[in-house]
Every structure is written in structure tokens, then in C-alpha cells.
Amino acid sequence: MTMISTTLLIATTFTLISGAALAQDAAAAKILASKSACMACHAVDKKLVGPAFKDVAAKHAGQADALEKVSARIKSGGSGMYGPVPMPAQAHLKDDELKLLAGWILAGAPDK
């Protein structure tokens, strides 16, 4: 096997594994969002009571600290960033759950 073939094989394998992991993360995040009642006020691509997840992703695009900001906002709740309606705090969520949700939202809340 040539060096190029080996490199392509490794890259393809990594892509397939990471793609499967992302799909699992997206599915887990979507379930967590439903169980935490996020979907009662948010949708992926349209404003309901709160902003669309795609709008949240767009607002934080390119920000190095976006994951921390969105995680903290989910945990503490609040109002004013997207309007006067308050978002309830999700203080019961663990840090890894907050980061899973925030990462999913910042990725545009993909289905898979």
C-alpha cells in the first residue's frame, strides 16, 4: 500500500467514525432538548416563543467562547438577548449535557 493510499484510508475511516459520533450526538441532543422542554419554545428554523436554533447559531458564529456562553445561558436562563420573554433556567442539567445541547444548537440543531 502506498503512502497516499494509507493516508486516504485513515482519513476515510476517521470521517466515517466521526460522522457516526456526530449523528449519535445529534440524536442524543435532540432527545435531551425534548426532555428538557426546549422544543416547547424553540424550533430549528423558525421563531416560536424563543428564537430558532439556527438564529442562535448565526448570532454566535465565529465566537471562540460561544459554547461556554450558550451553555451558561441555558443553565441560568434569562431574557433580553432575543426579546422580553424569559427563558427558564435549566440548572438541573449537568455540564456535559449543557455542552451537548449548546454544541448541537451552535451546529444549527442538525437532525443527524
Protein backbone atom coordinates (compact mmCIF):
# COMPACT_ATOMS: atom_id res chain seq x y z
CA MET A 1 0.00 0.00 0.00
CA THR A 2 1.39 3.40 -0.90
CA MET A 3 1.66 6.29 1.50
CA ILE A 4 -1.14 8.15 -0.30
CA SER A 5 -3.44 5.11 -0.13
CA THR A 6 -2.73 4.68 3.56
CA THR A 7 -3.40 8.34 4.23
CA LEU A 8 -6.69 8.21 2.30
CA LEU A 9 -7.74 5.06 4.16
CA ILE A 10 -7.03 6.66 7.53
CA ALA A 11 -8.85 9.88 6.56
CA THR A 12 -11.87 7.96 5.27
CA THR A 13 -12.03 5.82 8.40
CA PHE A 14 -11.79 8.90 10.63
CA THR A 15 -14.54 10.64 8.66
CA LEU A 16 -16.87 7.65 8.95
CA ILE A 17 -16.22 7.27 12.69
CA SER A 18 -16.59 10.97 13.43
CA GLY A 19 -19.72 11.15 11.25
CA ALA A 20 -21.29 8.33 13.26
CA ALA A 21 -20.31 10.03 16.52
CA LEU A 22 -21.82 13.32 15.36
CA ALA A 23 -25.05 11.55 14.39
CA GLN A 24 -25.22 9.93 17.84
CA ASP A 25 -24.52 13.29 19.50
CA ALA A 26 -27.21 14.98 17.41
CA ALA A 27 -29.74 12.29 18.29
CA ALA A 28 -28.82 12.48 21.99
CA ALA A 29 -29.01 16.29 21.96
CA LYS A 30 -32.41 16.25 20.25
CA ILE A 31 -33.75 13.80 22.86
CA LEU A 32 -32.31 15.92 25.68
CA ALA A 33 -33.83 19.08 24.17
CA SER A 34 -37.23 17.39 24.05
CA LYS A 35 -36.97 16.01 27.59
CA SER A 36 -35.86 19.42 28.90
CA ALA A 37 -38.82 21.18 27.23
CA CYS A 38 -36.57 23.25 24.95
CA MET A 39 -38.70 22.25 21.97
CA ALA A 40 -41.81 23.75 23.60
CA CYS A 41 -40.41 27.23 22.92
CA HIS A 42 -37.78 26.71 20.21
CA ALA A 43 -37.74 25.25 16.73
CA VAL A 44 -34.80 24.57 14.48
CA ASP A 45 -35.61 27.03 11.72
CA LYS A 46 -38.39 29.35 12.90
CA LYS A 47 -39.09 31.57 15.86
CA LEU A 48 -41.69 30.28 18.29
CA VAL A 49 -41.68 31.75 21.79
CA GLY A 50 -37.89 31.82 21.68
CA PRO A 51 -35.51 32.20 18.76
CA ALA A 52 -34.89 29.50 16.17
CA PHE A 53 -31.83 27.42 16.96
CA LYS A 54 -30.39 28.44 13.56
CA ASP A 55 -30.70 32.10 14.61
CA VAL A 56 -28.84 31.37 17.85
CA ALA A 57 -26.11 29.62 15.83
CA ALA A 58 -25.87 32.58 13.44
CA LYS A 59 -25.67 35.10 16.29
CA HIS A 60 -22.73 33.26 17.86
CA ALA A 61 -20.94 32.26 14.64
CA GLY A 62 -17.21 32.84 14.83
CA GLN A 63 -17.16 33.50 18.58
CA ALA A 64 -14.42 31.49 20.28
CA ASP A 65 -16.38 31.36 23.55
CA ALA A 66 -19.76 30.56 22.00
CA LEU A 67 -20.03 27.09 23.57
CA GLU A 68 -19.43 28.49 27.05
CA LYS A 69 -21.80 31.43 26.51
CA VAL A 70 -24.67 29.31 25.21
CA SER A 71 -24.12 26.64 27.87
CA ALA A 72 -24.23 29.29 30.60
CA ARG A 73 -27.34 30.86 29.09
CA ILE A 74 -29.15 27.51 29.01
CA LYS A 75 -28.18 26.87 32.63
CA SER A 76 -29.11 30.29 34.00
CA GLY A 77 -31.98 31.23 31.69
CA GLY A 78 -32.82 34.91 31.35
CA SER A 79 -34.28 37.40 28.94
CA GLY A 80 -33.31 40.36 26.82
CA MET A 81 -30.98 38.77 24.30
CA TYR A 82 -33.80 37.81 21.90
CA GLY A 83 -36.69 39.75 23.42
CA PRO A 84 -38.54 40.23 26.69
CA VAL A 85 -39.90 36.69 27.15
CA PRO A 86 -37.74 34.94 29.77
CA MET A 87 -36.18 31.55 29.15
CA PRO A 88 -36.43 29.34 32.23
CA ALA A 89 -33.18 28.15 33.78
CA GLN A 90 -32.09 24.57 33.19
CA ALA A 91 -29.92 24.45 36.32
CA HIS A 92 -30.61 20.73 36.79
CA LEU A 93 -28.63 19.82 33.66
CA LYS A 94 -25.08 18.56 34.13
CA ASP A 95 -22.18 20.36 32.47
CA ASP A 96 -21.77 17.67 29.81
CA GLU A 97 -25.49 17.88 28.99
CA LEU A 98 -25.30 21.68 28.74
CA LYS A 99 -22.33 21.42 26.37
CA LEU A 100 -24.08 18.74 24.31
CA LEU A 101 -27.15 20.98 23.89
CA ALA A 102 -25.11 24.12 23.25
CA GLY A 103 -22.90 22.40 20.69
CA TRP A 104 -25.93 20.99 18.91
CA ILE A 105 -27.63 24.39 18.83
CA LEU A 106 -24.45 26.09 17.61
CA ALA A 107 -24.24 23.49 14.81
CA GLY A 108 -27.73 24.56 13.70
CA ALA A 109 -29.55 21.74 15.56
CA PRO A 110 -28.89 19.09 12.91
CA ASP A 111 -31.16 16.06 12.72
CA LYS A 112 -28.18 13.76 12.21
